[in-house]
Amino acid sequence: MNGFWNKRIGCLLGLLFACCLCYAQDDLPTISADRPGALTGTDIMPQRKIQWETGIAYEAVVGEYRNFTLNTTLLRYGLFRNFELRVDADLIYDKAMDPTVGIGPLCVGFKARFYEGERFLPSIALLAQINSRRIGTKSLLSERHASSVLLLFEHSLSDRFGLGYNFGVEWDGQNVSPAAFLGIGAYFDITDRIGTFIEGYNYLHPNRDNQYLTEFGFTWLVSRRVQLDFATDLDLLHLNSYHVLSIGVSWLIN
């Protein structure tokens, strides 16, 4: 008789443990990466969580320059509920007349979300970043502080489809006047793990030719904490002269 009740109690405890384990797994946050794409989403890192987003890229302007981003590292940390800190640094191979391998300017910034969105109203966030003129390989540093201030908007139109758009200003570190940045993107989840996107984004320069670019690619959610991505960029006005290819991974560390 005692053996019968021991088995019953053991089965009950095992069931309770399994339920707790499943609940704990469901309670884990799911990764939301800012890469790939030229646009930035409004999602903020959960408080006290840190995420690493990294990748490699090849950029070429025919007849002008080619460079490889051997490693890009973006660290995002959720400081408050709707506020994250960001640190970005790239390992670059600049294949110009005098090839250079080094660390690009250290970039620091923050993203703050002001409205989470409701029905047809978009979520709204602000992204502000600035590049150092002193931290990085000397030949890759700019004469002035490069910085950007962007307003971010995002619509979740269904469980699988969303729209995003950004606008703001960016200083490139060389010119006094900033360029205006305007971009819009469409995002679609093909399955629960595979997504695709297309973005159109423009840099409107006051003293030189404007750039009208597009980017498209795919993401693969390997697990709740890891995402892989692939993307390519094209210049709509110079399809044969400008292109970018990139692959990367994002990891929700804790």
Protein backbone atom coordinates (compact mmCIF):
# COMPACT_ATOMS: atom_id res chain seq x y z
CA MET A 1 0.00 0.00 0.00
CA ASN A 2 2.82 2.38 0.91
CA GLY A 3 4.45 1.62 -2.44
CA PHE A 4 1.23 2.56 -4.21
CA TRP A 5 1.05 5.98 -2.48
CA ASN A 6 4.77 6.58 -2.97
CA LYS A 7 4.31 6.08 -6.71
CA ARG A 8 1.28 8.39 -6.71
CA ILE A 9 3.18 11.11 -4.81
CA GLY A 10 6.24 10.66 -7.04
CA CYS A 11 4.14 11.04 -10.21
CA LEU A 12 2.43 14.13 -8.78
CA LEU A 13 5.74 15.76 -7.85
CA GLY A 14 7.14 14.92 -11.31
CA LEU A 15 4.11 16.50 -12.98
CA LEU A 16 4.40 19.64 -10.85
CA PHE A 17 8.12 19.90 -11.68
CA ALA A 18 7.43 19.55 -15.42
CA CYS A 19 4.73 22.23 -15.26
CA CYS A 20 7.08 24.58 -13.41
CA LEU A 21 9.83 23.91 -15.94
CA CYS A 22 7.49 24.64 -18.87
CA TYR A 23 6.31 27.83 -17.18
CA ALA A 24 9.88 28.95 -16.58
CA GLN A 25 10.70 28.37 -20.27
CA ASP A 26 7.64 30.34 -21.39
CA ASP A 27 8.54 33.15 -19.01
CA LEU A 28 11.92 33.70 -20.69
CA PRO A 29 12.08 36.83 -22.88
CA THR A 30 12.27 36.32 -26.65
CA ILE A 31 15.06 38.05 -28.54
CA SER A 32 14.21 41.20 -30.50
CA ALA A 33 17.20 42.33 -32.55
CA ASP A 34 17.94 45.70 -34.15
CA ARG A 35 19.88 43.98 -36.93
CA PRO A 36 19.68 43.51 -39.83
CA GLY A 37 18.29 46.55 -41.63
CA ALA A 38 19.06 50.23 -41.92
CA LEU A 39 15.96 51.09 -39.90
CA THR A 40 15.68 50.57 -36.15
CA GLY A 41 12.65 49.15 -34.37
CA THR A 42 11.02 50.51 -31.24
CA ASP A 43 11.55 47.44 -29.02
CA ILE A 44 13.55 48.08 -25.86
CA MET A 45 15.72 45.56 -24.05
CA PRO A 46 14.04 44.10 -20.94
CA GLN A 47 15.33 45.66 -17.73
CA ARG A 48 18.72 44.29 -16.59
CA LYS A 49 19.04 42.17 -19.76
CA ILE A 50 22.00 42.43 -22.14
CA GLN A 51 22.14 41.52 -25.82
CA TRP A 52 25.03 41.15 -28.26
CA GLU A 53 24.45 41.76 -31.97
CA THR A 54 27.35 41.08 -34.32
CA GLY A 55 28.10 40.33 -37.95
CA ILE A 56 30.32 40.83 -40.96
CA ALA A 57 29.67 42.98 -44.03
CA TYR A 58 31.16 43.85 -47.41
CA GLU A 59 30.50 47.29 -48.91
CA ALA A 60 31.60 48.43 -52.37
CA VAL A 61 31.24 51.56 -54.47
CA VAL A 62 32.66 50.68 -57.89
CA GLY A 63 35.60 52.92 -58.77
CA GLU A 64 35.71 54.55 -55.32
CA TYR A 65 36.22 52.22 -52.37
CA ARG A 66 35.69 48.78 -50.90
CA ASN A 67 35.71 47.91 -47.25
CA PHE A 68 34.97 44.93 -45.04
CA THR A 69 33.42 45.17 -41.62
CA LEU A 70 35.19 42.16 -40.15
CA ASN A 71 33.16 42.35 -36.97
CA THR A 72 30.48 44.73 -35.80
CA THR A 73 29.56 44.60 -32.13
CA LEU A 74 26.46 46.26 -30.72
CA LEU A 75 25.79 45.75 -27.01
CA ARG A 76 22.34 46.70 -25.74
CA TYR A 77 21.47 46.87 -22.03
CA GLY A 78 18.02 47.45 -20.56
CA LEU A 79 18.58 50.09 -17.88
CA PHE A 80 14.92 50.90 -17.20
CA ARG A 81 11.61 49.52 -18.42
CA ASN A 82 11.53 51.70 -21.54
CA PHE A 83 15.15 52.84 -21.76
CA GLU A 84 18.24 51.02 -23.03
CA LEU A 85 21.93 51.93 -23.30
CA ARG A 86 23.89 51.05 -26.45
CA VAL A 87 27.61 50.68 -27.21
CA ASP A 88 28.82 49.93 -30.75
CA ALA A 89 32.32 49.28 -32.15
CA ASP A 90 33.40 47.81 -35.51
CA LEU A 91 36.55 46.04 -36.67
CA ILE A 92 37.09 47.41 -40.19
CA TYR A 93 39.31 46.58 -43.15
CA ASP A 94 39.29 49.70 -45.32
CA LYS A 95 40.70 48.68 -48.72
CA ALA A 96 41.58 52.14 -50.01
CA MET A 97 44.85 53.29 -51.59
CA ASP A 98 46.43 52.82 -48.16
CA PRO A 99 44.65 49.73 -46.73
CA THR A 100 43.85 49.99 -43.04
CA VAL A 101 42.71 47.42 -40.49
CA GLY A 102 41.48 48.85 -37.22
CA ILE A 103 38.70 49.69 -34.82
CA GLY A 104 36.16 52.24 -35.99
CA PRO A 105 35.02 55.06 -33.71
CA LEU A 106 33.35 53.93 -30.49
CA CYS A 107 29.65 54.76 -30.66
CA VAL A 108 27.52 55.23 -27.53
CA GLY A 109 23.86 56.09 -27.27
CA PHE A 110 20.43 55.23 -25.97
CA LYS A 111 16.96 54.25 -27.14
CA ALA A 112 13.87 55.34 -25.22
CA ARG A 113 10.29 54.29 -25.97
CA PHE A 114 7.55 56.81 -25.22
CA TYR A 115 4.46 54.96 -26.42
CA GLU A 116 3.88 51.23 -26.85
CA GLY A 117 1.22 51.56 -29.55
CA GLU A 118 -2.44 50.59 -29.56
CA ARG A 119 -4.71 49.41 -32.37
CA PHE A 120 -3.81 51.54 -35.38
CA LEU A 121 -1.50 53.86 -33.44
CA PRO A 122 2.25 53.08 -33.75
CA SER A 123 4.74 52.54 -30.97
CA ILE A 124 7.15 55.49 -30.76
CA ALA A 125 10.78 55.67 -29.62
CA LEU A 126 13.79 57.98 -29.81
CA LEU A 127 17.29 56.82 -30.78
CA ALA A 128 20.30 59.09 -30.12
CA GLN A 129 23.94 58.15 -30.72
CA ILE A 130 27.34 59.83 -30.91
CA ASN A 131 30.74 58.62 -32.17
CA SER A 132 33.95 59.34 -30.30
CA ARG A 133 36.71 61.34 -32.03
CA ARG A 134 39.39 59.80 -29.79
CA ILE A 135 38.54 56.14 -29.15
CA GLY A 136 39.38 53.95 -32.13
CA THR A 137 42.11 53.54 -34.76
CA LYS A 138 43.42 57.04 -35.54
CA SER A 139 43.12 56.78 -39.33
CA LEU A 140 39.46 55.74 -39.00
CA LEU A 141 38.43 58.57 -36.68
CA SER A 142 36.53 61.56 -38.03
CA GLU A 143 37.38 65.25 -37.67
CA ARG A 144 34.16 65.97 -35.79
CA HIS A 145 31.78 64.01 -33.62
CA ALA A 146 29.48 61.96 -35.84
CA SER A 147 26.03 61.68 -34.30
CA SER A 148 22.41 60.96 -35.09
CA VAL A 149 18.97 61.63 -33.62
CA LEU A 150 16.09 59.57 -35.01
CA LEU A 151 12.41 59.16 -34.25
CA LEU A 152 11.27 55.55 -34.62
CA PHE A 153 7.74 54.36 -35.39
CA GLU A 154 6.41 50.82 -35.67
CA HIS A 155 2.97 49.37 -36.55
CA SER A 156 2.00 45.77 -35.76
CA LEU A 157 -0.74 45.24 -38.31
CA SER A 158 -1.17 41.51 -37.58
CA ASP A 159 0.61 38.62 -35.87
CA ARG A 160 2.90 38.26 -38.90
CA PHE A 161 3.02 41.64 -40.63
CA GLY A 162 4.38 44.99 -39.50
CA LEU A 163 5.47 48.39 -40.81
CA GLY A 164 8.21 50.64 -39.49
CA TYR A 165 9.50 54.07 -40.38
CA ASN A 166 12.30 56.31 -39.10
CA PHE A 167 13.20 59.92 -39.70
CA GLY A 168 15.76 62.28 -38.26
CA VAL A 169 19.20 63.79 -38.86
CA GLU A 170 22.71 62.35 -39.02
CA TRP A 171 26.12 64.07 -38.91
CA ASP A 172 28.87 62.09 -40.69
CA GLY A 173 31.79 63.63 -38.78
CA GLN A 174 33.18 65.39 -41.86
CA ASN A 175 30.53 67.95 -42.85
CA VAL A 176 29.06 70.62 -40.60
CA SER A 177 25.55 70.24 -42.00
CA PRO A 178 23.67 67.02 -41.21
CA ALA A 179 21.93 64.75 -43.68
CA ALA A 180 18.24 64.04 -43.29
CA PHE A 181 17.39 60.35 -42.91
CA LEU A 182 14.03 59.01 -44.07
CA GLY A 183 13.16 55.33 -44.19
CA ILE A 184 10.20 52.94 -44.31
CA GLY A 185 10.17 49.16 -44.02
CA ALA A 186 7.78 46.21 -44.29
CA TYR A 187 8.33 43.07 -42.19
CA PHE A 188 6.68 39.66 -42.62
CA ASP A 189 7.04 36.44 -40.63
CA ILE A 190 6.94 33.54 -43.12
CA THR A 191 6.86 31.04 -40.24
CA ASP A 192 7.22 31.31 -36.46
CA ARG A 193 11.02 31.22 -36.95
CA ILE A 194 11.75 32.66 -40.41
CA GLY A 195 11.08 36.28 -41.31
CA THR A 196 11.75 38.56 -44.26
CA PHE A 197 11.83 42.31 -44.78
CA ILE A 198 12.34 45.08 -47.30
CA GLU A 199 13.30 48.67 -46.51
CA GLY A 200 13.70 51.84 -48.50
CA TYR A 201 15.83 54.55 -46.93
CA ASN A 202 17.23 57.86 -48.10
CA TYR A 203 20.06 60.17 -47.06
CA LEU A 204 19.25 63.71 -48.18
CA HIS A 205 22.49 65.73 -48.16
CA PRO A 206 22.51 69.55 -48.29
CA ASN A 207 25.78 69.89 -50.24
CA ARG A 208 26.13 66.70 -52.28
CA ASP A 209 24.15 64.05 -54.09
CA ASN A 210 21.37 62.31 -52.21
CA GLN A 211 21.34 58.54 -51.70
CA TYR A 212 18.26 56.41 -52.36
CA LEU A 213 18.90 52.92 -51.03
CA THR A 214 16.96 49.73 -50.46
CA GLU A 215 17.70 46.71 -48.28
CA PHE A 216 16.09 43.29 -48.07
CA GLY A 217 16.91 40.09 -46.26
CA PHE A 218 15.91 37.24 -43.99
CA THR A 219 16.05 36.34 -40.32
CA TRP A 220 16.04 32.92 -38.67
CA LEU A 221 15.06 32.57 -35.02
CA VAL A 222 17.22 29.62 -33.99
CA SER A 223 15.97 29.74 -30.40
CA ARG A 224 14.33 32.23 -28.06
CA ARG A 225 17.77 33.72 -27.42
CA VAL A 226 19.58 33.45 -30.79
CA GLN A 227 18.75 34.88 -34.23
CA LEU A 228 20.71 34.64 -37.50
CA ASP A 229 20.33 37.10 -40.37
CA PHE A 230 21.29 37.84 -43.98
CA ALA A 231 20.79 41.13 -45.85
CA THR A 232 21.84 43.01 -48.97
CA ASP A 233 21.68 46.72 -49.90
CA LEU A 234 21.38 48.34 -53.32
CA ASP A 235 21.44 51.90 -54.63
CA LEU A 236 18.29 52.36 -56.72
CA LEU A 237 19.96 55.01 -58.87
CA HIS A 238 23.24 53.10 -59.36
CA LEU A 239 22.33 49.42 -59.30
CA ASN A 240 25.65 48.28 -60.79
CA SER A 241 27.92 50.50 -58.75
CA TYR A 242 26.89 50.11 -55.09
CA HIS A 243 26.17 47.03 -53.04
CA VAL A 244 26.42 45.70 -49.50
CA LEU A 245 26.22 42.11 -48.25
CA SER A 246 26.02 41.18 -44.58
CA ILE A 247 25.41 38.19 -42.32
CA GLY A 248 25.13 38.22 -38.56
CA VAL A 249 23.91 36.79 -35.31
CA SER A 250 22.13 38.27 -32.27
CA TRP A 251 22.31 36.69 -28.84
CA LEU A 252 20.23 37.52 -25.77
CA ILE A 253 22.93 36.77 -23.21
CA ASN A 254 20.90 36.72 -19.98
